[in-house]
Amino acid sequence: MTTSLVTGGCGYFGALLVRHLVAAGHDVRVLDLADPDAADRSNAVAFVRGDIRDAGVVAEAVDGVDVVFHNVAQVPLARDEGLFRSVNVGGTEVLLRACEQAGVGKVVHTSSSAVFGVPASNPVLPSTVPSPVEAYGHAKLAAEWACLAAVARGLDVTIVRPRTILGHGRLGIFGILFDWVADGADIFVLGDGSNRYQFVHADDLAALCLRAGAARGPLVLNAGTDRFGTMRESLESLCAHAGTGARVRALPARPAALLMRAAAAAHLAPFAPYHWMMYAKSLWFDIDHARDLLGWQPRWSNAEMLADSYDWFVANRADAAASGRSRHRTTATQGVLRLLKSATRLLPD
């Protein structure tokens, strides 16, 4: 039986990945700071409490492990550049050294499409040179460099870069979007919404990570759906699915981005730099390499995963703001956006 460690196994994607690994017959171990899932956790899953930057705890967690799935990260909503560096970069370096010393056979590192910033052209390929534009993306790229350095030392590390993750239970800033749509409030694109934007369903990403964990030799893999369109099309499909009367409206891109930035700086709204920099931009991955190398095929389209995420939100709305869970497993605090939500009902048709 394969023994797998999931770092950040209580975060949104980490917890889902744990379930996939258990279903695949793995003996699973979780390393995380908190344990909100203790009451529901399978007996097949052990829990190690600790900080990814603590070399002693990490050494304990990787002892006897065959495959490590590394998902610990400070996400953009944290807006803390110090934590981006110490957790996303320093923590990754601590983990990689521990894996080398313990003789771990494989590491699958979950990176981010934020390493590409605003790409000069699309689709983005595995060979496209990363060019991040904000602190989170720079930290995730530095973590990738740490992985490549470990590969040069002989550790088998595969880097997986997901597009924006959706799926049942995915909240964070999407919880605000779903809240507005559920209440029939109009939602917005920046500019005309013609930018092509690709998501990836968490189940599809987990399937790719499992395949990567079983593959010998280091790889760099980009993950996204192969059925997507523009931002406007994706949001209009969500509104049509919800049937609440919510519609998609347009805001001038540059002024809206400046207002998002100002509201975030004043702690009036839960935006991070990546949100105002990328919401009106196109970014999508070519995924042929993942198909060719690992036989992976995404199941979910943009429209299907938005509907799936929204339906879960509606069914679990009362618990969406529960504390004690990761940022992507709770709805972000709306702040001044609550006023904008109310104002949408006063806008002319």
Protein backbone atom coordinates (compact mmCIF):
# COMPACT_ATOMS: atom_id res chain seq x y z
CA MET A 1 0.00 0.00 0.00
CA THR A 2 1.23 3.49 -0.88
CA THR A 3 1.68 5.85 2.04
CA SER A 4 0.94 9.43 1.01
CA LEU A 5 1.36 12.68 2.92
CA VAL A 6 -0.84 15.68 2.07
CA THR A 7 0.54 18.94 3.42
CA GLY A 8 -2.24 21.46 3.91
CA GLY A 9 -4.65 18.54 3.98
CA CYS A 10 -7.29 20.59 5.81
CA GLY A 11 -7.45 23.31 3.17
CA TYR A 12 -10.05 23.25 0.42
CA PHE A 13 -8.12 21.34 -2.21
CA GLY A 14 -5.98 19.41 0.27
CA ALA A 15 -9.03 17.96 2.02
CA LEU A 16 -10.57 16.94 -1.29
CA LEU A 17 -7.29 15.36 -2.40
CA VAL A 18 -7.22 13.34 0.84
CA ARG A 19 -10.62 11.89 -0.02
CA HIS A 20 -9.42 10.94 -3.51
CA LEU A 21 -6.33 9.24 -2.10
CA VAL A 22 -8.33 7.26 0.46
CA ALA A 23 -10.72 6.16 -2.30
CA ALA A 24 -7.71 5.02 -4.35
CA GLY A 25 -6.52 2.82 -1.45
CA HIS A 26 -3.67 4.95 -0.12
CA ASP A 27 -2.61 5.05 3.51
CA VAL A 28 -2.90 8.82 4.05
CA ARG A 29 -1.28 11.24 6.46
CA VAL A 30 -2.14 14.96 6.80
CA LEU A 31 0.16 17.76 7.96
CA ASP A 32 -1.61 20.99 8.90
CA LEU A 33 -1.82 23.64 11.58
CA ALA A 34 -5.47 23.00 12.45
CA ASP A 35 -7.74 19.98 12.41
CA PRO A 36 -11.30 21.13 11.65
CA ASP A 37 -12.19 17.80 10.02
CA ALA A 38 -11.27 15.55 12.97
CA ALA A 39 -14.86 14.41 13.61
CA ASP A 40 -15.40 13.38 9.99
CA ARG A 41 -11.97 12.05 9.12
CA SER A 42 -11.60 8.47 7.92
CA ASN A 43 -9.69 6.03 10.12
CA ALA A 44 -7.37 5.59 7.13
CA VAL A 45 -6.06 9.14 7.66
CA ALA A 46 -3.50 10.10 10.32
CA PHE A 47 -3.04 13.71 11.39
CA VAL A 48 0.21 15.49 12.23
CA ARG A 49 -0.29 18.97 13.68
CA GLY A 50 2.41 21.50 12.91
CA ASP A 51 3.88 24.28 10.81
CA ILE A 52 5.44 23.54 7.42
CA ARG A 53 8.36 25.78 8.48
CA ASP A 54 9.15 23.58 11.50
CA ALA A 55 11.85 21.15 10.37
CA GLY A 56 11.25 18.76 13.26
CA VAL A 57 7.52 18.45 12.62
CA VAL A 58 8.05 18.08 8.88
CA ALA A 59 10.65 15.33 9.42
CA GLU A 60 8.13 13.45 11.56
CA ALA A 61 5.42 13.88 8.93
CA VAL A 62 7.49 12.56 5.99
CA ASP A 63 9.00 9.60 7.84
CA GLY A 64 8.04 6.40 6.03
CA VAL A 65 6.11 8.22 3.30
CA ASP A 66 6.23 7.15 -0.35
CA VAL A 67 4.59 10.20 -2.00
CA VAL A 68 4.16 13.75 -0.74
CA PHE A 69 1.45 16.03 -2.13
CA HIS A 70 2.47 19.54 -1.15
CA ASN A 71 -0.47 21.94 -0.84
CA VAL A 72 0.43 24.22 2.08
CA ALA A 73 0.28 27.84 0.92
CA GLN A 74 -0.67 31.30 2.05
CA VAL A 75 -3.28 32.24 -0.56
CA PRO A 76 -3.77 35.69 -2.19
CA LEU A 77 -6.60 36.63 0.19
CA ALA A 78 -4.04 36.59 3.03
CA ARG A 79 -2.41 39.70 1.51
CA ASP A 80 0.68 39.16 3.68
CA GLU A 81 3.92 39.34 1.69
CA GLY A 82 5.97 38.11 4.67
CA LEU A 83 3.89 34.95 4.96
CA PHE A 84 3.97 34.45 1.19
CA ARG A 85 7.76 34.19 1.41
CA SER A 86 8.15 32.32 4.69
CA VAL A 87 5.37 29.76 4.11
CA ASN A 88 5.19 29.37 0.33
CA VAL A 89 8.95 29.51 -0.23
CA GLY A 90 10.64 28.75 3.08
CA GLY A 91 8.15 26.04 4.00
CA THR A 92 8.59 24.38 0.62
CA GLU A 93 12.37 24.38 1.07
CA VAL A 94 12.03 22.78 4.52
CA LEU A 95 9.74 20.09 3.10
CA LEU A 96 11.98 19.29 0.14
CA ARG A 97 15.05 18.88 2.36
CA ALA A 98 13.11 16.60 4.70
CA CYS A 99 11.93 14.50 1.74
CA GLU A 100 15.52 14.11 0.52
CA GLN A 101 16.71 13.01 3.95
CA ALA A 102 13.80 10.58 4.40
CA GLY A 103 14.16 9.01 0.97
CA VAL A 104 10.69 10.01 -0.24
CA GLY A 105 10.14 8.61 -3.73
CA LYS A 106 7.96 11.36 -5.19
CA VAL A 107 6.81 14.91 -4.44
CA VAL A 108 3.88 16.56 -6.24
CA HIS A 109 4.00 20.31 -5.68
CA THR A 110 0.82 22.34 -6.27
CA SER A 111 1.85 25.69 -7.72
CA SER A 112 -0.38 28.36 -9.33
CA SER A 113 -1.15 30.00 -12.65
CA ALA A 114 -0.25 33.25 -10.86
CA VAL A 115 3.38 32.53 -11.80
CA PHE A 116 2.48 33.67 -15.33
CA GLY A 117 0.97 37.03 -14.35
CA VAL A 118 -0.66 38.52 -17.45
CA PRO A 119 0.76 36.34 -20.25
CA ALA A 120 1.96 37.99 -23.44
CA SER A 121 0.10 35.35 -25.45
CA ASN A 122 -2.27 32.44 -24.98
CA PRO A 123 -2.46 29.53 -24.64
CA VAL A 124 0.17 29.20 -21.93
CA LEU A 125 2.42 26.19 -22.48
CA PRO A 126 4.63 24.29 -20.00
CA SER A 127 7.55 25.97 -21.77
CA THR A 128 6.12 29.50 -21.38
CA VAL A 129 8.48 31.58 -19.26
CA PRO A 130 6.79 32.62 -15.98
CA SER A 131 6.42 36.35 -15.34
CA PRO A 132 4.47 37.05 -12.12
CA VAL A 133 3.13 40.53 -11.46
CA GLU A 134 2.37 40.50 -7.71
CA ALA A 135 3.76 39.15 -4.44
CA TYR A 136 1.83 35.89 -4.33
CA GLY A 137 2.87 34.94 -7.85
CA HIS A 138 6.50 35.79 -7.13
CA ALA A 139 6.44 33.58 -4.02
CA LYS A 140 4.87 30.65 -5.89
CA LEU A 141 7.50 30.97 -8.60
CA ALA A 142 10.29 30.99 -6.01
CA ALA A 143 8.78 27.80 -4.58
CA GLU A 144 8.96 26.28 -8.07
CA TRP A 145 12.64 27.25 -8.24
CA ALA A 146 13.17 25.42 -4.94
CA CYS A 147 11.53 22.35 -6.50
CA LEU A 148 13.76 22.55 -9.56
CA ALA A 149 16.83 22.86 -7.32
CA ALA A 150 15.71 19.71 -5.47
CA VAL A 151 15.30 17.92 -8.81
CA ALA A 152 18.88 18.88 -9.67
CA ARG A 153 19.94 17.27 -6.38
CA GLY A 154 18.15 14.04 -7.33
CA LEU A 155 14.65 14.34 -5.78
CA ASP A 156 11.73 13.39 -8.03
CA VAL A 157 9.42 16.44 -7.98
CA THR A 158 6.53 17.19 -10.32
CA ILE A 159 5.07 20.70 -10.43
CA VAL A 160 1.33 21.06 -11.11
CA ARG A 161 0.02 24.52 -11.97
CA PRO A 162 -3.79 24.76 -11.74
CA ARG A 163 -5.97 27.45 -13.19
CA THR A 164 -8.47 28.97 -10.75
CA ILE A 165 -10.00 26.06 -8.82
CA LEU A 166 -13.75 25.52 -8.57
CA GLY A 167 -15.96 22.69 -7.31
CA HIS A 168 -18.36 21.75 -4.54
CA GLY A 169 -17.28 23.48 -1.34
CA ARG A 170 -15.09 26.11 -3.02
CA LEU A 171 -15.88 29.44 -1.41
CA GLY A 172 -13.50 32.31 -0.60
CA ILE A 173 -14.26 35.19 -2.94
CA PHE A 174 -16.51 32.86 -4.97
CA GLY A 175 -18.78 32.68 -1.93
CA ILE A 176 -19.48 36.40 -2.47
CA LEU A 177 -20.31 35.79 -6.15
CA PHE A 178 -22.67 32.96 -5.26
CA ASP A 179 -24.28 35.01 -2.49
CA TRP A 180 -25.11 37.81 -4.93
CA VAL A 181 -26.47 35.46 -7.58
CA ALA A 182 -28.56 33.51 -5.06
CA ASP A 183 -30.20 36.77 -3.95
CA GLY A 184 -30.82 37.96 -7.51
CA ALA A 185 -28.22 40.76 -7.38
CA ASP A 186 -26.52 41.64 -10.65
CA ILE A 187 -22.86 40.71 -11.01
CA PHE A 188 -20.12 42.42 -12.99
CA VAL A 189 -17.45 41.92 -15.59
CA LEU A 190 -14.70 44.47 -16.12
CA GLY A 191 -14.72 45.88 -19.63
CA ASP A 192 -16.91 43.92 -22.04
CA GLY A 193 -16.09 40.55 -20.46
CA SER A 194 -14.67 39.17 -23.70
CA ASN A 195 -11.48 37.94 -22.02
CA ARG A 196 -11.15 34.16 -22.21
CA TYR A 197 -10.85 32.68 -18.75
CA GLN A 198 -10.31 29.05 -17.82
CA PHE A 199 -11.07 27.25 -14.55
CA VAL A 200 -10.29 23.75 -13.31
CA HIS A 201 -12.58 21.56 -11.19
CA ALA A 202 -11.01 20.33 -7.96
CA ASP A 203 -11.92 16.72 -8.82
CA ASP A 204 -10.14 17.00 -12.18
CA LEU A 205 -7.11 18.55 -10.48
CA ALA A 206 -7.05 15.77 -7.88
CA ALA A 207 -7.17 13.16 -10.64
CA LEU A 208 -4.16 14.79 -12.31
CA CYS A 209 -2.24 14.95 -9.02
CA LEU A 210 -2.84 11.25 -8.40
CA ARG A 211 -1.55 10.42 -11.87
CA ALA A 212 1.46 12.69 -11.30
CA GLY A 213 2.17 10.97 -7.98
CA ALA A 214 2.32 7.58 -9.71
CA ALA A 215 4.52 8.74 -12.59
CA ARG A 216 8.29 8.36 -12.41
CA GLY A 217 10.44 11.35 -13.24
CA PRO A 218 9.95 15.10 -12.76
CA LEU A 219 7.34 16.90 -14.86
CA VAL A 220 5.79 20.36 -15.14
CA LEU A 221 2.03 20.14 -15.75
CA ASN A 222 -0.55 22.86 -16.41
CA ALA A 223 -4.13 22.01 -15.43
CA GLY A 224 -7.39 23.50 -16.69
CA THR A 225 -10.61 22.53 -18.41
CA ASP A 226 -10.71 22.12 -22.17
CA ARG A 227 -14.24 23.60 -22.41
CA PHE A 228 -14.36 27.30 -21.60
CA GLY A 229 -15.14 30.65 -23.15
CA THR A 230 -15.16 34.27 -22.11
CA MET A 231 -15.66 35.61 -18.60
CA ARG A 232 -19.04 37.03 -19.62
CA GLU A 233 -20.15 33.69 -21.05
CA SER A 234 -19.14 31.85 -17.89
CA LEU A 235 -20.99 34.26 -15.59
CA GLU A 236 -24.05 34.37 -17.83
CA SER A 237 -24.19 30.57 -17.71
CA LEU A 238 -24.14 30.77 -13.90
CA CYS A 239 -26.98 33.30 -13.84
CA ALA A 240 -29.05 31.20 -16.23
CA HIS A 241 -28.45 28.10 -14.10
CA ALA A 242 -29.43 29.89 -10.89
CA GLY A 243 -32.64 31.35 -12.33
CA THR A 244 -32.80 34.08 -9.68
CA GLY A 245 -32.97 37.05 -12.02
CA ALA A 246 -29.32 37.99 -11.54
CA ARG A 247 -27.71 39.42 -14.67
CA VAL A 248 -24.21 40.26 -15.83
CA ARG A 249 -23.38 43.96 -16.12
CA ALA A 250 -20.21 45.68 -17.33
CA LEU A 251 -17.98 48.16 -15.52
CA PRO A 252 -15.17 50.19 -17.12
CA ALA A 253 -12.10 48.03 -16.58
CA ARG A 254 -9.46 50.54 -15.50
CA PRO A 255 -11.57 52.67 -13.10
CA ALA A 256 -13.08 49.54 -11.56
CA ALA A 257 -9.64 47.99 -11.03
CA LEU A 258 -8.43 51.19 -9.35
CA LEU A 259 -11.46 51.17 -7.03
CA MET A 260 -10.85 47.49 -6.17
CA ARG A 261 -7.26 48.31 -5.32
CA ALA A 262 -8.24 51.30 -3.17
CA ALA A 263 -10.93 49.32 -1.32
CA ALA A 264 -8.45 46.54 -0.58
CA ALA A 265 -5.84 49.02 0.68
CA ALA A 266 -8.44 50.50 3.04
CA HIS A 267 -9.48 47.00 4.18
CA LEU A 268 -12.99 47.66 2.91
CA ALA A 269 -13.15 44.72 0.49
CA PRO A 270 -11.51 41.27 0.27
CA PHE A 271 -9.61 41.83 -2.97
CA ALA A 272 -6.01 40.79 -3.55
CA PRO A 273 -3.80 42.22 -6.33
CA TYR A 274 -4.34 39.18 -8.54
CA HIS A 275 -8.08 39.92 -8.61
CA TRP A 276 -7.90 43.43 -10.04
CA MET A 277 -4.96 42.61 -12.28
CA MET A 278 -6.46 39.50 -13.89
CA TYR A 279 -10.26 39.73 -13.79
CA ALA A 280 -10.41 41.47 -17.18
CA LYS A 281 -7.46 39.58 -18.71
CA SER A 282 -7.26 36.39 -20.74
CA LEU A 283 -5.35 33.39 -19.44
CA TRP A 284 -5.71 29.79 -20.46
CA PHE A 285 -3.51 26.73 -20.50
CA ASP A 286 -2.82 24.30 -23.29
CA ILE A 287 -3.27 20.89 -21.60
CA ASP A 288 -2.25 18.56 -24.43
CA HIS A 289 0.95 17.64 -22.59
CA ALA A 290 -1.02 16.36 -19.57
CA ARG A 291 -3.17 14.25 -21.87
CA ASP A 292 -0.18 12.91 -23.78
CA LEU A 293 2.09 12.20 -20.81
CA LEU A 294 -0.41 10.96 -18.23
CA GLY A 295 -3.63 10.18 -20.10
CA TRP A 296 -5.48 12.83 -18.07
CA GLN A 297 -8.75 14.26 -19.37
CA PRO A 298 -10.78 16.92 -17.51
CA ARG A 299 -14.46 16.04 -17.03
CA TRP A 300 -15.87 19.45 -16.15
CA SER A 301 -16.47 22.54 -18.31
CA ASN A 302 -16.43 26.10 -16.98
CA ALA A 303 -20.24 26.23 -16.98
CA GLU A 304 -20.61 22.84 -15.30
CA MET A 305 -18.17 23.58 -12.49
CA LEU A 306 -19.67 27.01 -11.77
CA ALA A 307 -23.09 25.37 -11.51
CA ASP A 308 -21.71 22.62 -9.28
CA SER A 309 -20.00 25.13 -6.98
CA TYR A 310 -23.11 27.33 -6.83
CA ASP A 311 -25.45 24.43 -6.04
CA TRP A 312 -23.21 23.37 -3.15
CA PHE A 313 -23.21 26.93 -1.84
CA VAL A 314 -27.01 27.16 -1.90
CA ALA A 315 -27.36 23.81 -0.13
CA ASN A 316 -24.79 24.77 2.54
CA ARG A 317 -25.27 28.52 2.72
CA ALA A 318 -25.86 28.62 6.48
CA ASP A 319 -22.40 27.14 7.11
CA ALA A 320 -20.51 29.09 4.44
CA ALA A 321 -19.17 31.65 6.92
CA ALA A 322 -18.17 29.12 9.61
CA SER A 323 -14.87 29.89 11.29
CA GLY A 324 -11.92 27.56 11.89
CA ARG A 325 -11.51 26.49 8.27
CA SER A 326 -9.20 27.65 5.49
CA ARG A 327 -9.89 30.81 3.47
CA HIS A 328 -11.11 28.85 0.44
CA ARG A 329 -13.55 26.83 2.58
CA THR A 330 -15.37 29.89 3.98
CA THR A 331 -16.99 32.84 2.26
CA ALA A 332 -14.80 35.94 2.27
CA THR A 333 -16.07 38.92 4.28
CA GLN A 334 -17.83 41.29 1.87
CA GLY A 335 -17.21 44.61 3.59
CA VAL A 336 -18.28 47.53 1.41
CA LEU A 337 -19.40 45.08 -1.29
CA ARG A 338 -22.63 44.59 0.67
CA LEU A 339 -23.56 48.17 -0.20
CA LEU A 340 -22.78 47.59 -3.86
CA LYS A 341 -24.89 44.42 -3.79
CA SER A 342 -27.89 46.42 -2.56
CA ALA A 343 -27.24 49.16 -5.10
CA THR A 344 -27.44 46.75 -8.05
CA ARG A 345 -31.19 46.48 -7.50
CA LEU A 346 -31.52 50.22 -8.15
CA LEU A 347 -29.66 50.20 -11.46
CA PRO A 348 -31.75 50.80 -14.61
CA ASP A 349 -32.29 47.89 -16.98
